[in-house]
Amino acid sequence: MLTHTDAHRIDCNRSCAWGVVAMVDAARPRPGRSVTSKVMAILTAFSPSTPELTLNEMSRRTGLPLSTVYRLATELVEWGALERVASAGYRIGLRLWEVGSLALRSRALNEIVLPFMQDLYEATHENVHLAVLDGHEALYVERVTGRRSARVRTRRGERLPLHATGVGRVLLAYAPPEFQREVVAAGLTRYTPHTTVAPGLLRQTLAEVRRTGVAVARDELTPGRISVAAPLLDAHGAAVAALSVVVSASGADVQRLIPAVRTAALCASRQLRALGHDFSIPTAAATAGP
């Protein structure tokens, strides 16, 4: 396996050759992956389950040559997007957290909703999650938990499936029908024996969520865990986010949790509307360049 030290030695010995290659590439454009796409491939190769990666692992995950990975990783370290670790690997750097914290939709949403999440935690002493829709997944943007809370796999910045989580079902239930069809057509992964993967049954479940204003996911993503979720609605009735409590299935009183979650979501929704912030999800048309 090529270590970081080996890669550094190779870079020193062949820097001139790489420089020539770079000049030739710059002078003769050709179709292929852009530098931006390569950098994004490296950054997105990291995940909550693999927070540290070696150069070889990054190369294998991205499909990029080892020399390209090393060159871009070195630049990302200099900028602060990556950090080197003692095990000859890399991890995401604080500069990315700094830039990510400027995302207005998430920051403003968190600041407004967090007090209601804290109230919900005080009432239940269980995990409280806030998630938004991003692509075909639920992106978890905030979490309040404590020592007495059930252990869960969810963390801020993690993405989880829409069909197998409480917040995901809420976001999916309030999404347009064509979006729901896209999610179903992409395939419904089974995570436990209780995961809803039948399209017809999922449609019935989503209709019930719209009718009651609450979603309950029992043992769907993680055995022994129940998620109770409710939407945060804007002035047009669209779900801009979802709030949930995740508890241990053992001895859980779901009927007691439902009104608590629904009340917290209603109060947070009212505050969002009163402050007049636009938390609508950007569309492809709105984000496309001229």
C-alpha atoms as a PDB file:
ATOM      1  CA  MET A   1       0.000   0.000   0.000  1.00  0.00           C
ATOM      2  CA  LEU A   2       1.344   3.439  -0.911  1.00  0.00           C
ATOM      3  CA  THR A   3       1.796   5.489   2.255  1.00  0.00           C
ATOM      4  CA  HIS A   4       1.653   9.253   2.576  1.00  0.00           C
ATOM      5  CA  THR A   5       5.467   9.319   2.896  1.00  0.00           C
ATOM      6  CA  ASP A   6       5.855   7.296  -0.301  1.00  0.00           C
ATOM      7  CA  ALA A   7       3.476   9.579  -2.147  1.00  0.00           C
ATOM      8  CA  HIS A   8       5.382  12.620  -0.912  1.00  0.00           C
ATOM      9  CA  ARG A   9       8.666  11.139  -2.192  1.00  0.00           C
ATOM     10  CA  ILE A  10       7.089  10.405  -5.560  1.00  0.00           C
ATOM     11  CA  ASP A  11       5.807  13.962  -5.754  1.00  0.00           C
ATOM     12  CA  CYS A  12       9.268  15.388  -5.050  1.00  0.00           C
ATOM     13  CA  ASN A  13      10.957  13.171  -7.638  1.00  0.00           C
ATOM     14  CA  ARG A  14       8.393  13.694 -10.360  1.00  0.00           C
ATOM     15  CA  SER A  15       7.214  17.251  -9.799  1.00  0.00           C
ATOM     16  CA  CYS A  16       8.892  18.389 -13.015  1.00  0.00           C
ATOM     17  CA  ALA A  17       7.223  15.655 -15.036  1.00  0.00           C
ATOM     18  CA  TRP A  18       3.820  16.450 -13.529  1.00  0.00           C
ATOM     19  CA  GLY A  19       4.386  20.109 -14.301  1.00  0.00           C
ATOM     20  CA  VAL A  20       4.957  19.278 -17.974  1.00  0.00           C
ATOM     21  CA  VAL A  21       1.842  17.084 -18.012  1.00  0.00           C
ATOM     22  CA  ALA A  22      -0.194  19.873 -16.446  1.00  0.00           C
ATOM     23  CA  MET A  23       0.968  22.390 -19.068  1.00  0.00           C
ATOM     24  CA  VAL A  24       0.163  19.986 -21.892  1.00  0.00           C
ATOM     25  CA  ASP A  25      -3.294  19.333 -20.417  1.00  0.00           C
ATOM     26  CA  ALA A  26      -3.942  23.055 -20.068  1.00  0.00           C
ATOM     27  CA  ALA A  27      -2.891  23.742 -23.627  1.00  0.00           C
ATOM     28  CA  ARG A  28      -4.954  20.886 -25.076  1.00  0.00           C
ATOM     29  CA  PRO A  29      -8.456  20.807 -23.546  1.00  0.00           C
ATOM     30  CA  ARG A  30     -10.228  17.484 -23.751  1.00  0.00           C
ATOM     31  CA  PRO A  31     -13.574  16.166 -22.550  1.00  0.00           C
ATOM     32  CA  GLY A  32     -13.650  14.599 -19.102  1.00  0.00           C
ATOM     33  CA  ARG A  33     -14.123  15.395 -15.444  1.00  0.00           C
ATOM     34  CA  SER A  34     -13.512  19.000 -14.497  1.00  0.00           C
ATOM     35  CA  VAL A  35     -11.244  19.993 -11.622  1.00  0.00           C
ATOM     36  CA  THR A  36     -14.328  20.984  -9.647  1.00  0.00           C
ATOM     37  CA  SER A  37     -15.929  17.571 -10.106  1.00  0.00           C
ATOM     38  CA  LYS A  38     -12.688  15.875  -9.040  1.00  0.00           C
ATOM     39  CA  VAL A  39     -12.452  17.989  -5.887  1.00  0.00           C
ATOM     40  CA  MET A  40     -16.092  17.290  -5.052  1.00  0.00           C
ATOM     41  CA  ALA A  41     -15.525  13.574  -5.624  1.00  0.00           C
ATOM     42  CA  ILE A  42     -12.686  13.628  -3.101  1.00  0.00           C
ATOM     43  CA  LEU A  43     -14.655  15.566  -0.491  1.00  0.00           C
ATOM     44  CA  THR A  44     -17.763  13.415  -0.841  1.00  0.00           C
ATOM     45  CA  ALA A  45     -15.703  10.241  -0.560  1.00  0.00           C
ATOM     46  CA  PHE A  46     -15.719  10.870   3.194  1.00  0.00           C
ATOM     47  CA  SER A  47     -18.752   9.813   5.207  1.00  0.00           C
ATOM     48  CA  PRO A  48     -19.804   9.461   8.868  1.00  0.00           C
ATOM     49  CA  SER A  49     -18.748   5.804   8.734  1.00  0.00           C
ATOM     50  CA  THR A  50     -15.399   6.629   7.053  1.00  0.00           C
ATOM     51  CA  PRO A  51     -14.265   9.998   8.467  1.00  0.00           C
ATOM     52  CA  GLU A  52     -10.607   9.248   7.641  1.00  0.00           C
ATOM     53  CA  LEU A  53      -9.254   8.021   4.317  1.00  0.00           C
ATOM     54  CA  THR A  54      -5.807   7.302   2.907  1.00  0.00           C
ATOM     55  CA  LEU A  55      -4.716   8.399  -0.545  1.00  0.00           C
ATOM     56  CA  ASN A  56      -5.264   4.884  -1.872  1.00  0.00           C
ATOM     57  CA  GLU A  57      -8.768   4.767  -0.417  1.00  0.00           C
ATOM     58  CA  MET A  58      -9.638   8.149  -1.918  1.00  0.00           C
ATOM     59  CA  SER A  59      -8.314   7.024  -5.287  1.00  0.00           C
ATOM     60  CA  ARG A  60     -10.331   3.807  -5.132  1.00  0.00           C
ATOM     61  CA  ARG A  61     -13.544   5.568  -4.063  1.00  0.00           C
ATOM     62  CA  THR A  62     -13.309   8.381  -6.619  1.00  0.00           C
ATOM     63  CA  GLY A  63     -11.849   6.450  -9.545  1.00  0.00           C
ATOM     64  CA  LEU A  64      -9.148   9.117  -9.885  1.00  0.00           C
ATOM     65  CA  PRO A  65      -5.431   8.355 -10.421  1.00  0.00           C
ATOM     66  CA  LEU A  66      -3.359   8.338  -7.252  1.00  0.00           C
ATOM     67  CA  SER A  67      -1.209  11.193  -8.547  1.00  0.00           C
ATOM     68  CA  THR A  68      -4.299  13.364  -9.112  1.00  0.00           C
ATOM     69  CA  VAL A  69      -5.693  12.547  -5.687  1.00  0.00           C
ATOM     70  CA  TYR A  70      -2.394  13.426  -4.031  1.00  0.00           C
ATOM     71  CA  ARG A  71      -2.065  16.733  -5.885  1.00  0.00           C
ATOM     72  CA  LEU A  72      -5.633  17.829  -5.118  1.00  0.00           C
ATOM     73  CA  ALA A  73      -5.480  16.574  -1.523  1.00  0.00           C
ATOM     74  CA  THR A  74      -2.318  18.615  -0.958  1.00  0.00           C
ATOM     75  CA  GLU A  75      -4.049  21.751  -2.233  1.00  0.00           C
ATOM     76  CA  LEU A  76      -7.119  21.029  -0.095  1.00  0.00           C
ATOM     77  CA  VAL A  77      -4.900  20.663   2.976  1.00  0.00           C
ATOM     78  CA  GLU A  78      -3.276  24.025   2.249  1.00  0.00           C
ATOM     79  CA  TRP A  79      -6.722  25.629   1.956  1.00  0.00           C
ATOM     80  CA  GLY A  80      -7.984  23.918   5.119  1.00  0.00           C
ATOM     81  CA  ALA A  81     -10.663  21.743   3.521  1.00  0.00           C
ATOM     82  CA  LEU A  82      -8.729  18.603   4.516  1.00  0.00           C
ATOM     83  CA  GLU A  83      -6.437  17.799   7.423  1.00  0.00           C
ATOM     84  CA  ARG A  84      -3.668  15.214   7.614  1.00  0.00           C
ATOM     85  CA  VAL A  85      -3.802  12.647  10.406  1.00  0.00           C
ATOM     86  CA  ALA A  86      -1.045  10.614  12.010  1.00  0.00           C
ATOM     87  CA  SER A  87      -2.161   7.395  10.301  1.00  0.00           C
ATOM     88  CA  ALA A  88      -1.056   8.751   6.892  1.00  0.00           C
ATOM     89  CA  GLY A  89      -4.662   9.561   6.122  1.00  0.00           C
ATOM     90  CA  TYR A  90      -6.851  12.609   5.695  1.00  0.00           C
ATOM     91  CA  ARG A  91     -10.038  13.950   7.242  1.00  0.00           C
ATOM     92  CA  ILE A  92     -12.376  16.860   6.562  1.00  0.00           C
ATOM     93  CA  GLY A  93     -10.937  20.158   7.808  1.00  0.00           C
ATOM     94  CA  LEU A  94     -12.514  22.938   9.831  1.00  0.00           C
ATOM     95  CA  ARG A  95     -12.494  25.325   6.867  1.00  0.00           C
ATOM     96  CA  LEU A  96     -15.333  23.361   5.289  1.00  0.00           C
ATOM     97  CA  TRP A  97     -17.315  23.597   8.530  1.00  0.00           C
ATOM     98  CA  GLU A  98     -16.670  27.344   8.517  1.00  0.00           C
ATOM     99  CA  VAL A  99     -17.962  27.699   4.960  1.00  0.00           C
ATOM    100  CA  GLY A 100     -20.887  25.340   5.560  1.00  0.00           C
ATOM    101  CA  SER A 101     -22.026  27.366   8.564  1.00  0.00           C
ATOM    102  CA  LEU A 102     -22.716  30.247   6.172  1.00  0.00           C
ATOM    103  CA  ALA A 103     -25.543  28.303   4.496  1.00  0.00           C
ATOM    104  CA  LEU A 104     -28.363  30.704   5.313  1.00  0.00           C
ATOM    105  CA  ARG A 105     -31.248  28.242   4.965  1.00  0.00           C
ATOM    106  CA  SER A 106     -29.802  25.814   7.501  1.00  0.00           C
ATOM    107  CA  ARG A 107     -28.397  28.432   9.886  1.00  0.00           C
ATOM    108  CA  ALA A 108     -31.553  30.519  10.133  1.00  0.00           C
ATOM    109  CA  LEU A 109     -33.737  27.416  10.365  1.00  0.00           C
ATOM    110  CA  ASN A 110     -31.630  25.996  13.188  1.00  0.00           C
ATOM    111  CA  GLU A 111     -31.623  29.249  15.151  1.00  0.00           C
ATOM    112  CA  ILE A 112     -35.399  29.570  14.978  1.00  0.00           C
ATOM    113  CA  VAL A 113     -36.294  25.938  15.640  1.00  0.00           C
ATOM    114  CA  LEU A 114     -33.643  25.046  18.224  1.00  0.00           C
ATOM    115  CA  PRO A 115     -35.546  26.515  21.242  1.00  0.00           C
ATOM    116  CA  PHE A 116     -38.564  24.369  20.361  1.00  0.00           C
ATOM    117  CA  MET A 117     -36.327  21.328  19.995  1.00  0.00           C
ATOM    118  CA  GLN A 118     -34.904  22.005  23.448  1.00  0.00           C
ATOM    119  CA  ASP A 119     -38.412  22.280  24.883  1.00  0.00           C
ATOM    120  CA  LEU A 120     -39.320  18.967  23.261  1.00  0.00           C
ATOM    121  CA  TYR A 121     -36.216  17.359  24.709  1.00  0.00           C
ATOM    122  CA  GLU A 122     -37.049  18.637  28.197  1.00  0.00           C
ATOM    123  CA  ALA A 123     -40.519  17.124  27.852  1.00  0.00           C
ATOM    124  CA  THR A 124     -39.291  13.733  26.635  1.00  0.00           C
ATOM    125  CA  HIS A 125     -35.558  13.465  27.427  1.00  0.00           C
ATOM    126  CA  GLU A 126     -35.230  11.680  24.097  1.00  0.00           C
ATOM    127  CA  ASN A 127     -33.359  12.356  20.852  1.00  0.00           C
ATOM    128  CA  VAL A 128     -34.834  15.314  18.963  1.00  0.00           C
ATOM    129  CA  HIS A 129     -33.936  15.693  15.287  1.00  0.00           C
ATOM    130  CA  LEU A 130     -34.439  18.375  12.655  1.00  0.00           C
ATOM    131  CA  ALA A 131     -34.132  17.412   8.986  1.00  0.00           C
ATOM    132  CA  VAL A 132     -34.665  19.012   5.596  1.00  0.00           C
ATOM    133  CA  LEU A 133     -35.172  17.533   2.150  1.00  0.00           C
ATOM    134  CA  ASP A 134     -32.046  17.448   0.007  1.00  0.00           C
ATOM    135  CA  GLY A 135     -32.243  15.480  -3.196  1.00  0.00           C
ATOM    136  CA  HIS A 136     -33.875  12.121  -2.508  1.00  0.00           C
ATOM    137  CA  GLU A 137     -32.672  12.029   1.088  1.00  0.00           C
ATOM    138  CA  ALA A 138     -33.343  13.574   4.482  1.00  0.00           C
ATOM    139  CA  LEU A 139     -30.436  15.762   5.593  1.00  0.00           C
ATOM    140  CA  TYR A 140     -30.143  16.048   9.372  1.00  0.00           C
ATOM    141  CA  VAL A 141     -29.222  19.638  10.253  1.00  0.00           C
ATOM    142  CA  GLU A 142     -29.677  19.701  14.043  1.00  0.00           C
ATOM    143  CA  ARG A 143     -29.945  17.328  16.972  1.00  0.00           C
ATOM    144  CA  VAL A 144     -30.627  17.647  20.697  1.00  0.00           C
ATOM    145  CA  THR A 145     -29.862  14.658  22.902  1.00  0.00           C
ATOM    146  CA  GLY A 146     -28.768  13.683  26.387  1.00  0.00           C
ATOM    147  CA  ARG A 147     -27.338  10.881  28.488  1.00  0.00           C
ATOM    148  CA  ARG A 148     -30.763   9.357  29.074  1.00  0.00           C
ATOM    149  CA  SER A 149     -31.653   9.299  25.382  1.00  0.00           C
ATOM    150  CA  ALA A 150     -31.656   6.087  23.371  1.00  0.00           C
ATOM    151  CA  ARG A 151     -28.528   5.547  21.313  1.00  0.00           C
ATOM    152  CA  VAL A 152     -29.140   6.299  17.648  1.00  0.00           C
ATOM    153  CA  ARG A 153     -27.022   6.347  14.515  1.00  0.00           C
ATOM    154  CA  THR A 154     -28.117   9.811  13.399  1.00  0.00           C
ATOM    155  CA  ARG A 155     -25.818  12.813  13.557  1.00  0.00           C
ATOM    156  CA  ARG A 156     -25.779  16.316  12.140  1.00  0.00           C
ATOM    157  CA  GLY A 157     -24.812  16.370   8.493  1.00  0.00           C
ATOM    158  CA  GLU A 158     -25.900  12.775   7.927  1.00  0.00           C
ATOM    159  CA  ARG A 159     -28.243  11.749   5.130  1.00  0.00           C
ATOM    160  CA  LEU A 160     -30.782   8.996   5.582  1.00  0.00           C
ATOM    161  CA  PRO A 161     -33.506   7.516   3.350  1.00  0.00           C
ATOM    162  CA  LEU A 162     -36.912   9.135   3.099  1.00  0.00           C
ATOM    163  CA  HIS A 163     -39.026   5.974   3.154  1.00  0.00           C
ATOM    164  CA  ALA A 164     -37.469   4.420   6.283  1.00  0.00           C
ATOM    165  CA  THR A 165     -37.305   7.385   8.706  1.00  0.00           C
ATOM    166  CA  GLY A 166     -39.948   9.449  10.468  1.00  0.00           C
ATOM    167  CA  VAL A 167     -38.650  12.801   9.225  1.00  0.00           C
ATOM    168  CA  GLY A 168     -38.150  11.331   5.762  1.00  0.00           C
ATOM    169  CA  ARG A 169     -41.737  10.132   5.528  1.00  0.00           C
ATOM    170  CA  VAL A 170     -43.005  13.546   6.579  1.00  0.00           C
ATOM    171  CA  LEU A 171     -40.903  15.305   3.936  1.00  0.00           C
ATOM    172  CA  LEU A 172     -41.930  12.757   1.317  1.00  0.00           C
ATOM    173  CA  ALA A 173     -45.620  12.932   2.249  1.00  0.00           C
ATOM    174  CA  TYR A 174     -45.713  16.699   1.714  1.00  0.00           C
ATOM    175  CA  ALA A 175     -43.667  16.582  -1.501  1.00  0.00           C
ATOM    176  CA  PRO A 176     -45.296  16.778  -4.968  1.00  0.00           C
ATOM    177  CA  PRO A 177     -46.645  13.485  -6.385  1.00  0.00           C
ATOM    178  CA  GLU A 178     -44.081  13.469  -9.188  1.00  0.00           C
ATOM    179  CA  PHE A 179     -41.279  13.653  -6.618  1.00  0.00           C
ATOM    180  CA  GLN A 180     -42.795  10.746  -4.694  1.00  0.00           C
ATOM    181  CA  ARG A 181     -42.872   8.722  -7.908  1.00  0.00           C
ATOM    182  CA  GLU A 182     -39.179   9.520  -8.520  1.00  0.00           C
ATOM    183  CA  VAL A 183     -38.224   8.251  -5.065  1.00  0.00           C
ATOM    184  CA  VAL A 184     -40.188   5.037  -5.519  1.00  0.00           C
ATOM    185  CA  ALA A 185     -38.798   4.489  -9.017  1.00  0.00           C
ATOM    186  CA  ALA A 186     -35.246   4.875  -7.684  1.00  0.00           C
ATOM    187  CA  GLY A 187     -35.836   1.845  -5.452  1.00  0.00           C
ATOM    188  CA  LEU A 188     -36.789   1.367  -1.809  1.00  0.00           C
ATOM    189  CA  THR A 189     -33.991  -0.274   0.142  1.00  0.00           C
ATOM    190  CA  ARG A 190     -34.879  -2.742   2.889  1.00  0.00           C
ATOM    191  CA  TYR A 191     -32.904  -2.010   6.088  1.00  0.00           C
ATOM    192  CA  THR A 192     -34.776  -4.281   8.476  1.00  0.00           C
ATOM    193  CA  PRO A 193     -37.529  -6.898   8.112  1.00  0.00           C
ATOM    194  CA  HIS A 194     -39.984  -4.093   8.976  1.00  0.00           C
ATOM    195  CA  THR A 195     -38.884  -1.565   6.336  1.00  0.00           C
ATOM    196  CA  THR A 196     -41.715  -0.509   4.042  1.00  0.00           C
ATOM    197  CA  VAL A 197     -40.564  -1.323   0.510  1.00  0.00           C
ATOM    198  CA  ALA A 198     -43.884  -2.045  -1.245  1.00  0.00           C
ATOM    199  CA  PRO A 199     -44.792   1.065  -3.303  1.00  0.00           C
ATOM    200  CA  GLY A 200     -48.517   0.645  -2.678  1.00  0.00           C
ATOM    201  CA  LEU A 201     -48.089   0.356   1.068  1.00  0.00           C
ATOM    202  CA  LEU A 202     -45.770   3.365   1.115  1.00  0.00           C
ATOM    203  CA  ARG A 203     -48.351   5.448  -0.760  1.00  0.00           C
ATOM    204  CA  GLN A 204     -50.986   4.497   1.819  1.00  0.00           C
ATOM    205  CA  THR A 205     -48.586   5.415   4.617  1.00  0.00           C
ATOM    206  CA  LEU A 206     -47.836   8.818   3.077  1.00  0.00           C
ATOM    207  CA  ALA A 207     -51.536   9.547   2.646  1.00  0.00           C
ATOM    208  CA  GLU A 208     -52.052   8.773   6.342  1.00  0.00           C
ATOM    209  CA  VAL A 209     -49.208  11.137   7.246  1.00  0.00           C
ATOM    210  CA  ARG A 210     -50.905  13.927   5.277  1.00  0.00           C
ATOM    211  CA  ARG A 211     -54.216  13.159   6.985  1.00  0.00           C
ATOM    212  CA  THR A 212     -52.895  13.066  10.551  1.00  0.00           C
ATOM    213  CA  GLY A 213     -49.930  15.431  10.291  1.00  0.00           C
ATOM    214  CA  VAL A 214     -47.602  12.936  11.953  1.00  0.00           C
ATOM    215  CA  ALA A 215     -45.416   9.999  10.883  1.00  0.00           C
ATOM    216  CA  VAL A 216     -44.455   6.991  12.974  1.00  0.00           C
ATOM    217  CA  ALA A 217     -41.611   4.738  11.793  1.00  0.00           C
ATOM    218  CA  ARG A 218     -41.152   1.627  13.962  1.00  0.00           C
ATOM    219  CA  ASP A 219     -38.077  -0.604  13.454  1.00  0.00           C
ATOM    220  CA  GLU A 220     -37.819   0.597   9.844  1.00  0.00           C
ATOM    221  CA  LEU A 221     -34.224   1.820   9.767  1.00  0.00           C
ATOM    222  CA  THR A 222     -32.808   0.467  13.034  1.00  0.00           C
ATOM    223  CA  PRO A 223     -34.286  -2.428  15.019  1.00  0.00           C
ATOM    224  CA  GLY A 224     -35.594  -1.383  18.411  1.00  0.00           C
ATOM    225  CA  ARG A 225     -36.093   2.286  17.536  1.00  0.00           C
ATOM    226  CA  ILE A 226     -39.258   4.315  16.925  1.00  0.00           C
ATOM    227  CA  SER A 227     -39.362   7.720  15.258  1.00  0.00           C
ATOM    228  CA  VAL A 228     -42.301  10.095  15.660  1.00  0.00           C
ATOM    229  CA  ALA A 229     -42.161  13.081  13.311  1.00  0.00           C
ATOM    230  CA  ALA A 230     -44.205  16.103  12.243  1.00  0.00           C
ATOM    231  CA  PRO A 231     -43.761  18.754   9.532  1.00  0.00           C
ATOM    232  CA  LEU A 232     -42.743  22.379   9.825  1.00  0.00           C
ATOM    233  CA  LEU A 233     -45.063  24.121   7.389  1.00  0.00           C
ATOM    234  CA  ASP A 234     -44.667  27.470   5.672  1.00  0.00           C
ATOM    235  CA  ALA A 235     -47.472  29.885   4.803  1.00  0.00           C
ATOM    236  CA  HIS A 236     -48.311  27.840   1.700  1.00  0.00           C
ATOM    237  CA  GLY A 237     -48.605  24.549   3.578  1.00  0.00           C
ATOM    238  CA  ALA A 238     -45.320  23.183   2.241  1.00  0.00           C
ATOM    239  CA  ALA A 239     -43.045  21.209   4.574  1.00  0.00           C
ATOM    240  CA  VAL A 240     -39.764  23.135   4.828  1.00  0.00           C
ATOM    241  CA  ALA A 241     -38.417  20.735   7.457  1.00  0.00           C
ATOM    242  CA  ALA A 242     -39.427  17.893   9.760  1.00  0.00           C
ATOM    243  CA  LEU A 243     -39.057  17.533  13.513  1.00  0.00           C
ATOM    244  CA  SER A 244     -38.859  14.156  15.247  1.00  0.00           C
ATOM    245  CA  VAL A 245     -38.273  12.293  18.469  1.00  0.00           C
ATOM    246  CA  VAL A 246     -36.458   8.955  18.283  1.00  0.00           C
ATOM    247  CA  VAL A 247     -36.897   6.576  21.204  1.00  0.00           C
ATOM    248  CA  SER A 248     -36.263   2.982  22.188  1.00  0.00           C
ATOM    249  CA  ALA A 249     -39.129   0.736  21.141  1.00  0.00           C
ATOM    250  CA  SER A 250     -38.988  -0.986  24.503  1.00  0.00           C
ATOM    251  CA  GLY A 251     -41.648   0.590  26.699  1.00  0.00           C
ATOM    252  CA  ALA A 252     -42.204   3.557  24.377  1.00  0.00           C
ATOM    253  CA  ASP A 253     -45.529   5.377  24.732  1.00  0.00           C
ATOM    254  CA  VAL A 254     -46.073   6.551  21.167  1.00  0.00           C
ATOM    255  CA  GLN A 255     -49.497   8.028  21.925  1.00  0.00           C
ATOM    256  CA  ARG A 256     -47.901  10.308  24.503  1.00  0.00           C
ATOM    257  CA  LEU A 257     -45.139  11.366  22.112  1.00  0.00           C
ATOM    258  CA  ILE A 258     -47.416  12.234  19.176  1.00  0.00           C
ATOM    259  CA  PRO A 259     -49.047  15.344  20.724  1.00  0.00           C
ATOM    260  CA  ALA A 260     -45.699  16.521  22.102  1.00  0.00           C
ATOM    261  CA  VAL A 261     -44.014  16.317  18.690  1.00  0.00           C
ATOM    262  CA  ARG A 262     -47.006  17.806  16.883  1.00  0.00           C
ATOM    263  CA  THR A 263     -47.208  20.735  19.318  1.00  0.00           C
ATOM    264  CA  ALA A 264     -43.500  21.523  19.022  1.00  0.00           C
ATOM    265  CA  ALA A 265     -43.732  21.411  15.224  1.00  0.00           C
ATOM    266  CA  LEU A 266     -46.829  23.654  15.172  1.00  0.00           C
ATOM    267  CA  CYS A 267     -45.181  26.231  17.433  1.00  0.00           C
ATOM    268  CA  ALA A 268     -41.983  26.198  15.386  1.00  0.00           C
ATOM    269  CA  SER A 269     -43.997  26.528  12.161  1.00  0.00           C
ATOM    270  CA  ARG A 270     -45.836  29.529  13.568  1.00  0.00           C
ATOM    271  CA  GLN A 271     -42.539  31.172  14.469  1.00  0.00           C
ATOM    272  CA  LEU A 272     -41.091  30.502  11.022  1.00  0.00           C
ATOM    273  CA  ARG A 273     -44.096  32.113   9.359  1.00  0.00           C
ATOM    274  CA  ALA A 274     -44.071  35.082  11.736  1.00  0.00           C
ATOM    275  CA  LEU A 275     -40.452  35.895  10.936  1.00  0.00           C
ATOM    276  CA  GLY A 276     -41.135  35.619   7.220  1.00  0.00           C
ATOM    277  CA  HIS A 277     -37.998  33.679   6.246  1.00  0.00           C
ATOM    278  CA  ASP A 278     -37.997  31.812   2.941  1.00  0.00           C
ATOM    279  CA  PHE A 279     -36.939  28.238   3.598  1.00  0.00           C
ATOM    280  CA  SER A 280     -38.276  26.842   0.344  1.00  0.00           C
ATOM    281  CA  ILE A 281     -36.107  24.219  -1.338  1.00  0.00           C
ATOM    282  CA  PRO A 282     -34.156  25.665  -4.301  1.00  0.00           C
ATOM    283  CA  THR A 283     -35.215  24.165  -7.618  1.00  0.00           C
ATOM    284  CA  ALA A 284     -32.950  23.310 -10.536  1.00  0.00           C
ATOM    285  CA  ALA A 285     -34.461  26.179 -12.518  1.00  0.00           C
ATOM    286  CA  ALA A 286     -33.811  28.654  -9.719  1.00  0.00           C
ATOM    287  CA  THR A 287     -30.185  27.634  -9.284  1.00  0.00           C
ATOM    288  CA  ALA A 288     -29.257  27.283 -12.936  1.00  0.00           C
ATOM    289  CA  GLY A 289     -26.962  29.872 -14.470  1.00  0.00           C
ATOM    290  CA  PRO A 290     -27.828  32.109 -17.437  1.00  0.00           C
END
